[in-house]
């Protein structure tokens, strides 16, 4: 994933309501904005805006089912963000190990 994609993922996940929406979607086989608004202390319109931000970041996918739009989690951007954090964490682990070795001399 490009840095731009990872930036979009982290920007979308920076909001606690969006993280909660994503968590609720991950617990089930998708949901509509109306279903989510019944479980969260925000309006359906606010949920729709959060879903739009998650969709723009590629974290959810919207599909029309009859009269409803059902949102489902798209795991690839999250996997890419985890891979990036793992790589960066490994680089820091290596740096800290070199620093510890140098300090022990």
Foldseek 3Di string as FASTA:
>chain_A
DDPVLLVLVVVLVVDPVLVVVQVVQAVDVWDFLVVVCVVDVDDSVVSVVSVVSCVVSVQWDWDDDPPTITIHGDCVSVVVNVVVVVVVVVVVVVVVVVVVVVVVD
